[in-house]
Amino acid sequence: MKKDNMCVERKDIINILDDKLETVNTKLDYIKEQTTRTNSRVNRVEDDVIKIKLGDAGRAVSCPQLPTIKEQSEHLVALQKSSMTQKQLRNVIIKGITITGLFFTVLFGLITLILRYADIIISTT
């Protein structure tokens, strides 16, 4: 009887292990199926990205406004290089005001001298 009991226990263990193995196989099949779907989606997205990149490159080459865009870009770069900073502009304005002030001071001084000289000449005659 002991032999029969051992045989039954072995069969039970083998059945349990078979069931577990079947469960693992089922899960592995599911994982494989999901991975295949995901890889397929990724491949489609990568293909779309390549098409977009190639389309953008072709569009840039065939763009009818490309010469105008390049010209405007070069013009902007030239303006940026030639434009003054705010500090430089402020210094130019301050120098301009100073020179203008000095010019009018000298001018009014000369007019005053001329008027005094003319007053002296008129009073002596």
PDB file of N, CA and C in Angstrom:
ATOM      1  N   MET A   1       0.793  -1.177   0.000  1.00  0.00           N
ATOM      2  CA  MET A   1       0.000   0.000   0.000  1.00  0.00           C
ATOM      3  C   MET A   1       0.839   1.245   0.000  1.00  0.00           C
ATOM      4  N   LYS A   2       1.899   1.180   0.610  1.00  0.00           N
ATOM      5  CA  LYS A   2       2.766   2.342   0.624  1.00  0.00           C
ATOM      6  C   LYS A   2       3.192   2.695  -0.780  1.00  0.00           C
ATOM      7  N   LYS A   3       3.423   1.706  -1.570  1.00  0.00           N
ATOM      8  CA  LYS A   3       3.841   1.953  -2.939  1.00  0.00           C
ATOM      9  C   LYS A   3       2.753   2.667  -3.709  1.00  0.00           C
ATOM     10  N   ASP A   4       1.531   2.282  -3.524  1.00  0.00           N
ATOM     11  CA  ASP A   4       0.417   2.922  -4.221  1.00  0.00           C
ATOM     12  C   ASP A   4       0.249   4.373  -3.780  1.00  0.00           C
ATOM     13  N   ASN A   5       0.399   4.571  -2.498  1.00  0.00           N
ATOM     14  CA  ASN A   5       0.304   5.937  -1.975  1.00  0.00           C
ATOM     15  C   ASN A   5       1.386   6.834  -2.565  1.00  0.00           C
ATOM     16  N   MET A   6       2.568   6.305  -2.668  1.00  0.00           N
ATOM     17  CA  MET A   6       3.686   7.076  -3.222  1.00  0.00           C
ATOM     18  C   MET A   6       3.441   7.361  -4.697  1.00  0.00           C
ATOM     19  N   CYS A   7       2.870   6.423  -5.357  1.00  0.00           N
ATOM     20  CA  CYS A   7       2.577   6.586  -6.779  1.00  0.00           C
ATOM     21  C   CYS A   7       1.548   7.678  -6.967  1.00  0.00           C
ATOM     22  N   VAL A   8       0.541   7.672  -6.140  1.00  0.00           N
ATOM     23  CA  VAL A   8      -0.508   8.686  -6.225  1.00  0.00           C
ATOM     24  C   VAL A   8       0.081  10.051  -5.897  1.00  0.00           C
ATOM     25  N   GLU A   9       0.918  10.138  -4.911  1.00  0.00           N
ATOM     26  CA  GLU A   9       1.542  11.412  -4.538  1.00  0.00           C
ATOM     27  C   GLU A   9       2.421  11.925  -5.665  1.00  0.00           C
ATOM     28  N   ARG A  10       3.152  11.034  -6.298  1.00  0.00           N
ATOM     29  CA  ARG A  10       3.994  11.443  -7.410  1.00  0.00           C
ATOM     30  C   ARG A  10       3.141  11.962  -8.555  1.00  0.00           C
ATOM     31  N   LYS A  11       2.049  11.261  -8.804  1.00  0.00           N
ATOM     32  CA  LYS A  11       1.154  11.692  -9.883  1.00  0.00           C
ATOM     33  C   LYS A  11       0.568  13.066  -9.562  1.00  0.00           C
ATOM     34  N   ASP A  12       0.196  13.267  -8.297  1.00  0.00           N
ATOM     35  CA  ASP A  12      -0.347  14.562  -7.883  1.00  0.00           C
ATOM     36  C   ASP A  12       0.703  15.664  -8.056  1.00  0.00           C
ATOM     37  N   ILE A  13       1.906  15.397  -7.664  1.00  0.00           N
ATOM     38  CA  ILE A  13       2.991  16.371  -7.785  1.00  0.00           C
ATOM     39  C   ILE A  13       3.249  16.673  -9.256  1.00  0.00           C
ATOM     40  N   ILE A  14       3.257  15.628 -10.069  1.00  0.00           N
ATOM     41  CA  ILE A  14       3.489  15.814 -11.508  1.00  0.00           C
ATOM     42  C   ILE A  14       2.342  16.629 -12.111  1.00  0.00           C
ATOM     43  N   ASN A  15       1.117  16.360 -11.700  1.00  0.00           N
ATOM     44  CA  ASN A  15      -0.037  17.130 -12.197  1.00  0.00           C
ATOM     45  C   ASN A  15       0.055  18.597 -11.768  1.00  0.00           C
ATOM     46  N   ILE A  16       0.413  18.814 -10.544  1.00  0.00           N
ATOM     47  CA  ILE A  16       0.554  20.192 -10.045  1.00  0.00           C
ATOM     48  C   ILE A  16       1.642  20.921 -10.834  1.00  0.00           C
ATOM     49  N   LEU A  17       2.780  20.248 -11.026  1.00  0.00           N
ATOM     50  CA  LEU A  17       3.882  20.856 -11.776  1.00  0.00           C
ATOM     51  C   LEU A  17       3.481  21.111 -13.231  1.00  0.00           C
ATOM     52  N   ASP A  18       2.747  20.185 -13.816  1.00  0.00           N
ATOM     53  CA  ASP A  18       2.265  20.375 -15.181  1.00  0.00           C
ATOM     54  C   ASP A  18       1.331  21.580 -15.274  1.00  0.00           C
ATOM     55  N   ASP A  19       0.447  21.692 -14.286  1.00  0.00           N
ATOM     56  CA  ASP A  19      -0.464  22.840 -14.268  1.00  0.00           C
ATOM     57  C   ASP A  19       0.306  24.152 -14.147  1.00  0.00           C
ATOM     58  N   LYS A  20       1.286  24.181 -13.281  1.00  0.00           N
ATOM     59  CA  LYS A  20       2.093  25.395 -13.105  1.00  0.00           C
ATOM     60  C   LYS A  20       2.867  25.702 -14.375  1.00  0.00           C
ATOM     61  N   LEU A  21       3.404  24.676 -15.001  1.00  0.00           N
ATOM     62  CA  LEU A  21       4.143  24.860 -16.241  1.00  0.00           C
ATOM     63  C   LEU A  21       3.219  25.388 -17.335  1.00  0.00           C
ATOM     64  N   GLU A  22       2.018  24.891 -17.376  1.00  0.00           N
ATOM     65  CA  GLU A  22       1.039  25.366 -18.363  1.00  0.00           C
ATOM     66  C   GLU A  22       0.697  26.836 -18.102  1.00  0.00           C
ATOM     67  N   THR A  23       0.559  27.215 -16.853  1.00  0.00           N
ATOM     68  CA  THR A  23       0.273  28.605 -16.496  1.00  0.00           C
ATOM     69  C   THR A  23       1.430  29.511 -16.926  1.00  0.00           C
ATOM     70  N   VAL A  24       2.641  29.064 -16.662  1.00  0.00           N
ATOM     71  CA  VAL A  24       3.819  29.839 -17.064  1.00  0.00           C
ATOM     72  C   VAL A  24       3.861  29.968 -18.582  1.00  0.00           C
ATOM     73  N   ASN A  25       3.601  28.886 -19.291  1.00  0.00           N
ATOM     74  CA  ASN A  25       3.599  28.919 -20.760  1.00  0.00           C
ATOM     75  C   ASN A  25       2.528  29.889 -21.282  1.00  0.00           C
ATOM     76  N   THR A  26       1.368  29.863 -20.668  1.00  0.00           N
ATOM     77  CA  THR A  26       0.290  30.773 -21.080  1.00  0.00           C
ATOM     78  C   THR A  26       0.713  32.225 -20.876  1.00  0.00           C
ATOM     79  N   LYS A  27       1.304  32.514 -19.730  1.00  0.00           N
ATOM     80  CA  LYS A  27       1.764  33.881 -19.454  1.00  0.00           C
ATOM     81  C   LYS A  27       2.872  34.291 -20.420  1.00  0.00           C
ATOM     82  N   LEU A  28       3.770  33.363 -20.706  1.00  0.00           N
ATOM     83  CA  LEU A  28       4.845  33.670 -21.660  1.00  0.00           C
ATOM     84  C   LEU A  28       4.292  33.945 -23.051  1.00  0.00           C
ATOM     85  N   ASP A  29       3.279  33.179 -23.454  1.00  0.00           N
ATOM     86  CA  ASP A  29       2.633  33.421 -24.753  1.00  0.00           C
ATOM     87  C   ASP A  29       1.998  34.808 -24.790  1.00  0.00           C
ATOM     88  N   TYR A  30       1.342  35.174 -23.698  1.00  0.00           N
ATOM     89  CA  TYR A  30       0.715  36.490 -23.619  1.00  0.00           C
ATOM     90  C   TYR A  30       1.774  37.601 -23.709  1.00  0.00           C
ATOM     91  N   ILE A  31       2.867  37.417 -22.982  1.00  0.00           N
ATOM     92  CA  ILE A  31       3.959  38.408 -23.008  1.00  0.00           C
ATOM     93  C   ILE A  31       4.534  38.510 -24.416  1.00  0.00           C
ATOM     94  N   LYS A  32       4.715  37.388 -25.075  1.00  0.00           N
ATOM     95  CA  LYS A  32       5.239  37.393 -26.440  1.00  0.00           C
ATOM     96  C   LYS A  32       4.288  38.139 -27.375  1.00  0.00           C
ATOM     97  N   GLU A  33       2.999  37.890 -27.216  1.00  0.00           N
ATOM     98  CA  GLU A  33       2.003  38.550 -28.059  1.00  0.00           C
ATOM     99  C   GLU A  33       2.022  40.069 -27.831  1.00  0.00           C
ATOM    100  N   GLN A  34       2.080  40.504 -26.585  1.00  0.00           N
ATOM    101  CA  GLN A  34       2.129  41.927 -26.271  1.00  0.00           C
ATOM    102  C   GLN A  34       3.410  42.570 -26.817  1.00  0.00           C
ATOM    103  N   THR A  35       4.523  41.867 -26.667  1.00  0.00           N
ATOM    104  CA  THR A  35       5.797  42.383 -27.166  1.00  0.00           C
ATOM    105  C   THR A  35       5.759  42.538 -28.682  1.00  0.00           C
ATOM    106  N   THR A  36       5.178  41.589 -29.361  1.00  0.00           N
ATOM    107  CA  THR A  36       5.058  41.653 -30.820  1.00  0.00           C
ATOM    108  C   THR A  36       4.209  42.855 -31.226  1.00  0.00           C
ATOM    109  N   ARG A  37       3.089  43.080 -30.529  1.00  0.00           N
ATOM    110  CA  ARG A  37       2.247  44.241 -30.820  1.00  0.00           C
ATOM    111  C   ARG A  37       3.008  45.541 -30.589  1.00  0.00           C
ATOM    112  N   THR A  38       3.697  45.619 -29.460  1.00  0.00           N
ATOM    113  CA  THR A  38       4.447  46.835 -29.136  1.00  0.00           C
ATOM    114  C   THR A  38       5.538  47.084 -30.162  1.00  0.00           C
ATOM    115  N   ASN A  39       6.271  46.054 -30.523  1.00  0.00           N
ATOM    116  CA  ASN A  39       7.331  46.207 -31.526  1.00  0.00           C
ATOM    117  C   ASN A  39       6.755  46.671 -32.855  1.00  0.00           C
ATOM    118  N   SER A  40       5.593  46.161 -33.191  1.00  0.00           N
ATOM    119  CA  SER A  40       4.947  46.565 -34.435  1.00  0.00           C
ATOM    120  C   SER A  40       4.595  48.049 -34.390  1.00  0.00           C
ATOM    121  N   ARG A  41       4.049  48.490 -33.262  1.00  0.00           N
ATOM    122  CA  ARG A  41       3.714  49.916 -33.115  1.00  0.00           C
ATOM    123  C   ARG A  41       4.961  50.776 -33.175  1.00  0.00           C
ATOM    124  N   VAL A  42       6.000  50.361 -32.492  1.00  0.00           N
ATOM    125  CA  VAL A  42       7.256  51.118 -32.491  1.00  0.00           C
ATOM    126  C   VAL A  42       7.824  51.201 -33.906  1.00  0.00           C
ATOM    127  N   ASN A  43       7.782  50.108 -34.632  1.00  0.00           N
ATOM    128  CA  ASN A  43       8.282  50.118 -36.012  1.00  0.00           C
ATOM    129  C   ASN A  43       7.494  51.103 -36.874  1.00  0.00           C
ATOM    130  N   ARG A  44       6.163  51.127 -36.699  1.00  0.00           N
ATOM    131  CA  ARG A  44       5.346  52.070 -37.480  1.00  0.00           C
ATOM    132  C   ARG A  44       5.691  53.511 -37.118  1.00  0.00           C
ATOM    133  N   VAL A  45       5.864  53.777 -35.834  1.00  0.00           N
ATOM    134  CA  VAL A  45       6.211  55.136 -35.406  1.00  0.00           C
ATOM    135  C   VAL A  45       7.581  55.531 -35.956  1.00  0.00           C
ATOM    136  N   GLU A  46       8.540  54.618 -35.890  1.00  0.00           N
ATOM    137  CA  GLU A  46       9.866  54.919 -36.435  1.00  0.00           C
ATOM    138  C   GLU A  46       9.789  55.194 -37.936  1.00  0.00           C
ATOM    139  N   ASP A  47       8.979  54.418 -38.654  1.00  0.00           N
ATOM    140  CA  ASP A  47       8.793  54.669 -40.086  1.00  0.00           C
ATOM    141  C   ASP A  47       8.194  56.057 -40.323  1.00  0.00           C
ATOM    142  N   ASP A  48       7.209  56.423 -39.496  1.00  0.00           N
ATOM    143  CA  ASP A  48       6.601  57.749 -39.633  1.00  0.00           C
ATOM    144  C   ASP A  48       7.615  58.853 -39.362  1.00  0.00           C
ATOM    145  N   VAL A  49       8.453  58.655 -38.346  1.00  0.00           N
ATOM    146  CA  VAL A  49       9.478  59.658 -38.027  1.00  0.00           C
ATOM    147  C   VAL A  49      10.441  59.812 -39.193  1.00  0.00           C
ATOM    148  N   ILE A  50      10.850  58.713 -39.768  1.00  0.00           N
ATOM    149  CA  ILE A  50      11.764  58.776 -40.922  1.00  0.00           C
ATOM    150  C   ILE A  50      11.098  59.517 -42.073  1.00  0.00           C
ATOM    151  N   LYS A  51       9.817  59.217 -42.338  1.00  0.00           N
ATOM    152  CA  LYS A  51       9.100  59.905 -43.416  1.00  0.00           C
ATOM    153  C   LYS A  51       9.026  61.405 -43.144  1.00  0.00           C
ATOM    154  N   ILE A  52       8.759  61.757 -41.899  1.00  0.00           N
ATOM    155  CA  ILE A  52       8.665  63.182 -41.547  1.00  0.00           C
ATOM    156  C   ILE A  52      10.009  63.863 -41.732  1.00  0.00           C
ATOM    157  N   LYS A  53      11.073  63.215 -41.261  1.00  0.00           N
ATOM    158  CA  LYS A  53      12.404  63.806 -41.417  1.00  0.00           C
ATOM    159  C   LYS A  53      12.757  63.979 -42.883  1.00  0.00           C
ATOM    160  N   LEU A  54      12.490  62.970 -43.672  1.00  0.00           N
ATOM    161  CA  LEU A  54      12.784  63.068 -45.100  1.00  0.00           C
ATOM    162  C   LEU A  54      11.891  64.115 -45.756  1.00  0.00           C
ATOM    163  N   GLY A  55      10.643  64.190 -45.323  1.00  0.00           N
ATOM    164  CA  GLY A  55       9.724  65.193 -45.861  1.00  0.00           C
ATOM    165  C   GLY A  55      10.170  66.598 -45.524  1.00  0.00           C
ATOM    166  N   ASP A  56      10.641  66.798 -44.284  1.00  0.00           N
ATOM    167  CA  ASP A  56      11.127  68.116 -43.888  1.00  0.00           C
ATOM    168  C   ASP A  56      12.347  68.510 -44.694  1.00  0.00           C
ATOM    169  N   ALA A  57      13.244  67.555 -44.894  1.00  0.00           N
ATOM    170  CA  ALA A  57      14.454  67.847 -45.664  1.00  0.00           C
ATOM    171  C   ALA A  57      14.085  68.200 -47.093  1.00  0.00           C
ATOM    172  N   GLY A  58      13.162  67.452 -47.677  1.00  0.00           N
ATOM    173  CA  GLY A  58      12.731  67.735 -49.043  1.00  0.00           C
ATOM    174  C   GLY A  58      11.991  69.052 -49.139  1.00  0.00           C
ATOM    175  N   ARG A  59      11.207  69.356 -48.113  1.00  0.00           N
ATOM    176  CA  ARG A  59      10.440  70.595 -48.120  1.00  0.00           C
ATOM    177  C   ARG A  59      11.375  71.799 -48.042  1.00  0.00           C
ATOM    178  N   ALA A  60      12.439  71.698 -47.245  1.00  0.00           N
ATOM    179  CA  ALA A  60      13.389  72.805 -47.129  1.00  0.00           C
ATOM    180  C   ALA A  60      14.102  73.053 -48.450  1.00  0.00           C
ATOM    181  N   VAL A  61      14.389  71.997 -49.163  1.00  0.00           N
ATOM    182  CA  VAL A  61      15.086  72.146 -50.442  1.00  0.00           C
ATOM    183  C   VAL A  61      14.143  72.698 -51.502  1.00  0.00           C
ATOM    184  N   SER A  62      12.894  72.270 -51.488  1.00  0.00           N
ATOM    185  CA  SER A  62      11.958  72.670 -52.532  1.00  0.00           C
ATOM    186  C   SER A  62      11.124  73.888 -52.163  1.00  0.00           C
ATOM    187  N   CYS A  63      11.377  74.512 -51.046  1.00  0.00           N
ATOM    188  CA  CYS A  63      10.602  75.667 -50.608  1.00  0.00           C
ATOM    189  C   CYS A  63      10.829  76.836 -51.560  1.00  0.00           C
ATOM    190  N   PRO A  64       9.767  77.397 -52.132  1.00  0.00           N
ATOM    191  CA  PRO A  64       9.942  78.503 -53.075  1.00  0.00           C
ATOM    192  C   PRO A  64      10.396  79.791 -52.387  1.00  0.00           C
ATOM    193  N   GLN A  65      10.212  79.897 -51.094  1.00  0.00           N
ATOM    194  CA  GLN A  65      10.584  81.112 -50.365  1.00  0.00           C
ATOM    195  C   GLN A  65      11.974  81.030 -49.745  1.00  0.00           C
ATOM    196  N   LEU A  66      12.692  79.943 -50.025  1.00  0.00           N
ATOM    197  CA  LEU A  66      13.998  79.745 -49.413  1.00  0.00           C
ATOM    198  C   LEU A  66      14.966  80.904 -49.681  1.00  0.00           C
ATOM    199  N   PRO A  67      15.081  81.425 -50.906  1.00  0.00           N
ATOM    200  CA  PRO A  67      15.984  82.554 -51.116  1.00  0.00           C
ATOM    201  C   PRO A  67      15.594  83.785 -50.286  1.00  0.00           C
ATOM    202  N   THR A  68      14.292  84.044 -50.194  1.00  0.00           N
ATOM    203  CA  THR A  68      13.828  85.182 -49.397  1.00  0.00           C
ATOM    204  C   THR A  68      14.137  84.977 -47.926  1.00  0.00           C
ATOM    205  N   ILE A  69      13.934  83.775 -47.450  1.00  0.00           N
ATOM    206  CA  ILE A  69      14.216  83.468 -46.047  1.00  0.00           C
ATOM    207  C   ILE A  69      15.697  83.647 -45.763  1.00  0.00           C
ATOM    208  N   LYS A  70      16.545  83.143 -46.636  1.00  0.00           N
ATOM    209  CA  LYS A  70      17.987  83.289 -46.434  1.00  0.00           C
ATOM    210  C   LYS A  70      18.390  84.755 -46.467  1.00  0.00           C
ATOM    211  N   GLU A  71      17.813  85.517 -47.395  1.00  0.00           N
ATOM    212  CA  GLU A  71      18.138  86.941 -47.514  1.00  0.00           C
ATOM    213  C   GLU A  71      17.738  87.682 -46.241  1.00  0.00           C
ATOM    214  N   GLN A  72      16.531  87.400 -45.751  1.00  0.00           N
ATOM    215  CA  GLN A  72      16.062  88.060 -44.532  1.00  0.00           C
ATOM    216  C   GLN A  72      16.910  87.650 -43.329  1.00  0.00           C
ATOM    217  N   SER A  73      17.298  86.397 -43.292  1.00  0.00           N
ATOM    218  CA  SER A  73      18.141  85.909 -42.204  1.00  0.00           C
ATOM    219  C   SER A  73      19.488  86.615 -42.215  1.00  0.00           C
ATOM    220  N   GLU A  74      20.083  86.734 -43.402  1.00  0.00           N
ATOM    221  CA  GLU A  74      21.369  87.433 -43.510  1.00  0.00           C
ATOM    222  C   GLU A  74      21.215  88.903 -43.133  1.00  0.00           C
ATOM    223  N   HIS A  75      20.095  89.509 -43.525  1.00  0.00           N
ATOM    224  CA  HIS A  75      19.843  90.903 -43.189  1.00  0.00           C
ATOM    225  C   HIS A  75      19.737  91.075 -41.670  1.00  0.00           C
ATOM    226  N   LEU A  76      19.031  90.157 -41.007  1.00  0.00           N
ATOM    227  CA  LEU A  76      18.900  90.224 -39.552  1.00  0.00           C
ATOM    228  C   LEU A  76      20.235  90.053 -38.855  1.00  0.00           C
ATOM    229  N   VAL A  77      21.051  89.137 -39.364  1.00  0.00           N
ATOM    230  CA  VAL A  77      22.382  88.927 -38.775  1.00  0.00           C
ATOM    231  C   VAL A  77      23.216  90.191 -38.927  1.00  0.00           C
ATOM    232  N   ALA A  78      23.152  90.831 -40.105  1.00  0.00           N
ATOM    233  CA  ALA A  78      23.902  92.067 -40.330  1.00  0.00           C
ATOM    234  C   ALA A  78      23.416  93.177 -39.407  1.00  0.00           C
ATOM    235  N   LEU A  79      22.097  93.264 -39.213  1.00  0.00           N
ATOM    236  CA  LEU A  79      21.558  94.277 -38.298  1.00  0.00           C
ATOM    237  C   LEU A  79      22.009  94.037 -36.863  1.00  0.00           C
ATOM    238  N   GLN A  80      22.020  92.785 -36.463  1.00  0.00           N
ATOM    239  CA  GLN A  80      22.451  92.469 -35.102  1.00  0.00           C
ATOM    240  C   GLN A  80      23.912  92.829 -34.900  1.00  0.00           C
ATOM    241  N   LYS A  81      24.728  92.593 -35.906  1.00  0.00           N
ATOM    242  CA  LYS A  81      26.150  92.915 -35.784  1.00  0.00           C
ATOM    243  C   LYS A  81      26.377  94.426 -35.752  1.00  0.00           C
ATOM    244  N   SER A  82      25.575  95.162 -36.534  1.00  0.00           N
ATOM    245  CA  SER A  82      25.799  96.601 -36.631  1.00  0.00           C
ATOM    246  C   SER A  82      25.042  97.396 -35.578  1.00  0.00           C
ATOM    247  N   SER A  83      24.056  96.817 -34.959  1.00  0.00           N
ATOM    248  CA  SER A  83      23.263  97.579 -33.994  1.00  0.00           C
ATOM    249  C   SER A  83      24.045  97.798 -32.710  1.00  0.00           C
ATOM    250  N   MET A  84      23.755  98.941 -32.114  1.00  0.00           N
ATOM    251  CA  MET A  84      24.440  99.296 -30.878  1.00  0.00           C
ATOM    252  C   MET A  84      23.691  98.726 -29.686  1.00  0.00           C
ATOM    253  N   THR A  85      24.434  98.529 -28.647  1.00  0.00           N
ATOM    254  CA  THR A  85      23.793  98.117 -27.410  1.00  0.00           C
ATOM    255  C   THR A  85      23.177  99.359 -26.776  1.00  0.00           C
ATOM    256  N   GLN A  86      22.356  99.172 -25.789  1.00  0.00           N
ATOM    257  CA  GLN A  86      21.719 100.313 -25.133  1.00  0.00           C
ATOM    258  C   GLN A  86      22.750 101.220 -24.476  1.00  0.00           C
ATOM    259  N   LYS A  87      23.782 100.635 -23.919  1.00  0.00           N
ATOM    260  CA  LYS A  87      24.826 101.426 -23.260  1.00  0.00           C
ATOM    261  C   LYS A  87      25.568 102.281 -24.292  1.00  0.00           C
ATOM    262  N   GLN A  88      25.889 101.685 -25.444  1.00  0.00           N
ATOM    263  CA  GLN A  88      26.565 102.438 -26.492  1.00  0.00           C
ATOM    264  C   GLN A  88      25.673 103.570 -26.989  1.00  0.00           C
ATOM    265  N   LEU A  89      24.391 103.294 -27.162  1.00  0.00           N
ATOM    266  CA  LEU A  89      23.451 104.303 -27.622  1.00  0.00           C
ATOM    267  C   LEU A  89      23.325 105.434 -26.605  1.00  0.00           C
ATOM    268  N   ARG A  90      23.272 105.115 -25.344  1.00  0.00           N
ATOM    269  CA  ARG A  90      23.192 106.122 -24.294  1.00  0.00           C
ATOM    270  C   ARG A  90      24.428 107.011 -24.319  1.00  0.00           C
ATOM    271  N   ASN A  91      25.608 106.412 -24.493  1.00  0.00           N
ATOM    272  CA  ASN A  91      26.842 107.192 -24.552  1.00  0.00           C
ATOM    273  C   ASN A  91      26.844 108.141 -25.739  1.00  0.00           C
ATOM    274  N   VAL A  92      26.365 107.674 -26.898  1.00  0.00           N
ATOM    275  CA  VAL A  92      26.299 108.528 -28.087  1.00  0.00           C
ATOM    276  C   VAL A  92      25.348 109.697 -27.846  1.00  0.00           C
ATOM    277  N   ILE A  93      24.207 109.442 -27.221  1.00  0.00           N
ATOM    278  CA  ILE A  93      23.250 110.511 -26.943  1.00  0.00           C
ATOM    279  C   ILE A  93      23.847 111.531 -25.967  1.00  0.00           C
ATOM    280  N   ILE A  94      24.493 111.057 -24.924  1.00  0.00           N
ATOM    281  CA  ILE A  94      25.103 111.958 -23.943  1.00  0.00           C
ATOM    282  C   ILE A  94      26.178 112.813 -24.605  1.00  0.00           C
ATOM    283  N   LYS A  95      27.016 112.214 -25.436  1.00  0.00           N
ATOM    284  CA  LYS A  95      28.051 112.981 -26.137  1.00  0.00           C
ATOM    285  C   LYS A  95      27.416 114.009 -27.067  1.00  0.00           C
ATOM    286  N   GLY A  96      26.363 113.624 -27.760  1.00  0.00           N
ATOM    287  CA  GLY A  96      25.667 114.555 -28.653  1.00  0.00           C
ATOM    288  C   GLY A  96      25.098 115.744 -27.905  1.00  0.00           C
ATOM    289  N   ILE A  97      24.451 115.473 -26.772  1.00  0.00           N
ATOM    290  CA  ILE A  97      23.884 116.569 -25.968  1.00  0.00           C
ATOM    291  C   ILE A  97      24.997 117.479 -25.453  1.00  0.00           C
ATOM    292  N   THR A  98      26.098 116.903 -24.998  1.00  0.00           N
ATOM    293  CA  THR A  98      27.220 117.689 -24.483  1.00  0.00           C
ATOM    294  C   THR A  98      27.805 118.581 -25.576  1.00  0.00           C
ATOM    295  N   ILE A  99      28.039 118.024 -26.747  1.00  0.00           N
ATOM    296  CA  ILE A  99      28.619 118.797 -27.852  1.00  0.00           C
ATOM    297  C   ILE A  99      27.651 119.902 -28.285  1.00  0.00           C
ATOM    298  N   THR A 100      26.357 119.581 -28.358  1.00  0.00           N
ATOM    299  CA  THR A 100      25.359 120.587 -28.725  1.00  0.00           C
ATOM    300  C   THR A 100      25.330 121.706 -27.690  1.00  0.00           C
ATOM    301  N   GLY A 101      25.375 121.348 -26.419  1.00  0.00           N
ATOM    302  CA  GLY A 101      25.401 122.357 -25.347  1.00  0.00           C
ATOM    303  C   GLY A 101      26.616 123.250 -25.446  1.00  0.00           C
ATOM    304  N   LEU A 102      27.770 122.657 -25.684  1.00  0.00           N
ATOM    305  CA  LEU A 102      28.995 123.459 -25.824  1.00  0.00           C
ATOM    306  C   LEU A 102      28.909 124.388 -27.037  1.00  0.00           C
ATOM    307  N   PHE A 103      28.357 123.887 -28.145  1.00  0.00           N
ATOM    308  CA  PHE A 103      28.226 124.689 -29.355  1.00  0.00           C
ATOM    309  C   PHE A 103      27.360 125.924 -29.089  1.00  0.00           C
ATOM    310  N   PHE A 104      26.200 125.731 -28.437  1.00  0.00           N
ATOM    311  CA  PHE A 104      25.317 126.857 -28.181  1.00  0.00           C
ATOM    312  C   PHE A 104      25.919 127.813 -27.154  1.00  0.00           C
ATOM    313  N   THR A 105      26.675 127.297 -26.194  1.00  0.00           N
ATOM    314  CA  THR A 105      27.335 128.170 -25.223  1.00  0.00           C
ATOM    315  C   THR A 105      28.326 129.081 -25.929  1.00  0.00           C
ATOM    316  N   VAL A 106      29.141 128.495 -26.805  1.00  0.00           N
ATOM    317  CA  VAL A 106      30.114 129.290 -27.559  1.00  0.00           C
ATOM    318  C   VAL A 106      29.383 130.273 -28.471  1.00  0.00           C
ATOM    319  N   LEU A 107      28.341 129.842 -29.122  1.00  0.00           N
ATOM    320  CA  LEU A 107      27.573 130.698 -30.029  1.00  0.00           C
ATOM    321  C   LEU A 107      26.965 131.881 -29.280  1.00  0.00           C
ATOM    322  N   PHE A 108      26.325 131.614 -28.143  1.00  0.00           N
ATOM    323  CA  PHE A 108      25.741 132.705 -27.365  1.00  0.00           C
ATOM    324  C   PHE A 108      26.836 133.619 -26.821  1.00  0.00           C
ATOM    325  N   GLY A 109      27.962 133.042 -26.443  1.00  0.00           N
ATOM    326  CA  GLY A 109      29.093 133.881 -26.000  1.00  0.00           C
ATOM    327  C   GLY A 109      29.563 134.799 -27.108  1.00  0.00           C
ATOM    328  N   LEU A 110      29.700 134.294 -28.333  1.00  0.00           N
ATOM    329  CA  LEU A 110      30.119 135.115 -29.466  1.00  0.00           C
ATOM    330  C   LEU A 110      29.087 136.188 -29.792  1.00  0.00           C
ATOM    331  N   ILE A 111      27.812 135.828 -29.742  1.00  0.00           N
ATOM    332  CA  ILE A 111      26.754 136.821 -30.006  1.00  0.00           C
ATOM    333  C   ILE A 111      26.798 137.920 -28.945  1.00  0.00           C
ATOM    334  N   THR A 112      27.011 137.549 -27.692  1.00  0.00           N
ATOM    335  CA  THR A 112      27.110 138.534 -26.618  1.00  0.00           C
ATOM    336  C   THR A 112      28.290 139.455 -26.857  1.00  0.00           C
ATOM    337  N   LEU A 113      29.441 138.898 -27.253  1.00  0.00           N
ATOM    338  CA  LEU A 113      30.626 139.718 -27.530  1.00  0.00           C
ATOM    339  C   LEU A 113      30.369 140.668 -28.705  1.00  0.00           C
ATOM    340  N   ILE A 114      29.741 140.161 -29.740  1.00  0.00           N
ATOM    341  CA  ILE A 114      29.456 140.992 -30.912  1.00  0.00           C
ATOM    342  C   ILE A 114      28.501 142.118 -30.530  1.00  0.00           C
ATOM    343  N   LEU A 115      27.472 141.804 -29.750  1.00  0.00           N
ATOM    344  CA  LEU A 115      26.530 142.838 -29.334  1.00  0.00           C
ATOM    345  C   LEU A 115      27.197 143.877 -28.440  1.00  0.00           C
ATOM    346  N   ARG A 116      28.064 143.480 -27.540  1.00  0.00           N
ATOM    347  CA  ARG A 116      28.790 144.428 -26.682  1.00  0.00           C
ATOM    348  C   ARG A 116      29.718 145.293 -27.529  1.00  0.00           C
ATOM    349  N   TYR A 117      30.405 144.628 -28.470  1.00  0.00           N
ATOM    350  CA  TYR A 117      31.317 145.378 -29.344  1.00  0.00           C
ATOM    351  C   TYR A 117      30.523 146.377 -30.188  1.00  0.00           C
ATOM    352  N   ALA A 118      29.355 145.957 -30.691  1.00  0.00           N
ATOM    353  CA  ALA A 118      28.515 146.857 -31.483  1.00  0.00           C
ATOM    354  C   ALA A 118      27.987 147.976 -30.584  1.00  0.00           C
ATOM    355  N   ASP A 119      27.679 147.699 -29.344  1.00  0.00           N
ATOM    356  CA  ASP A 119      27.210 148.712 -28.400  1.00  0.00           C
ATOM    357  C   ASP A 119      28.301 149.736 -28.136  1.00  0.00           C
ATOM    358  N   ILE A 120      29.542 149.261 -28.029  1.00  0.00           N
ATOM    359  CA  ILE A 120      30.675 150.148 -27.798  1.00  0.00           C
ATOM    360  C   ILE A 120      30.878 151.058 -29.004  1.00  0.00           C
ATOM    361  N   ILE A 121      30.773 150.470 -30.188  1.00  0.00           N
ATOM    362  CA  ILE A 121      30.968 151.244 -31.409  1.00  0.00           C
ATOM    363  C   ILE A 121      29.848 152.299 -31.558  1.00  0.00           C
ATOM    364  N   ILE A 122      28.641 151.933 -31.263  1.00  0.00           N
ATOM    365  CA  ILE A 122      27.508 152.851 -31.385  1.00  0.00           C
ATOM    366  C   ILE A 122      27.621 153.965 -30.330  1.00  0.00           C
ATOM    367  N   SER A 123      28.028 153.639 -29.152  1.00  0.00           N
ATOM    368  CA  SER A 123      28.121 154.636 -28.087  1.00  0.00           C
ATOM    369  C   SER A 123      29.286 155.586 -28.324  1.00  0.00           C
ATOM    370  N   THR A 124      30.319 155.200 -29.010  1.00  0.00           N
ATOM    371  CA  THR A 124      31.458 156.089 -29.283  1.00  0.00           C
ATOM    372  C   THR A 124      31.166 157.002 -30.460  1.00  0.00           C
ATOM    373  N   THR A 125      30.280 156.678 -31.275  1.00  0.00           N
ATOM    374  CA  THR A 125      29.994 157.564 -32.393  1.00  0.00           C
ATOM    375  C   THR A 125      28.971 158.582 -32.110  1.00  0.00           C
TER     376      THR A 125
END
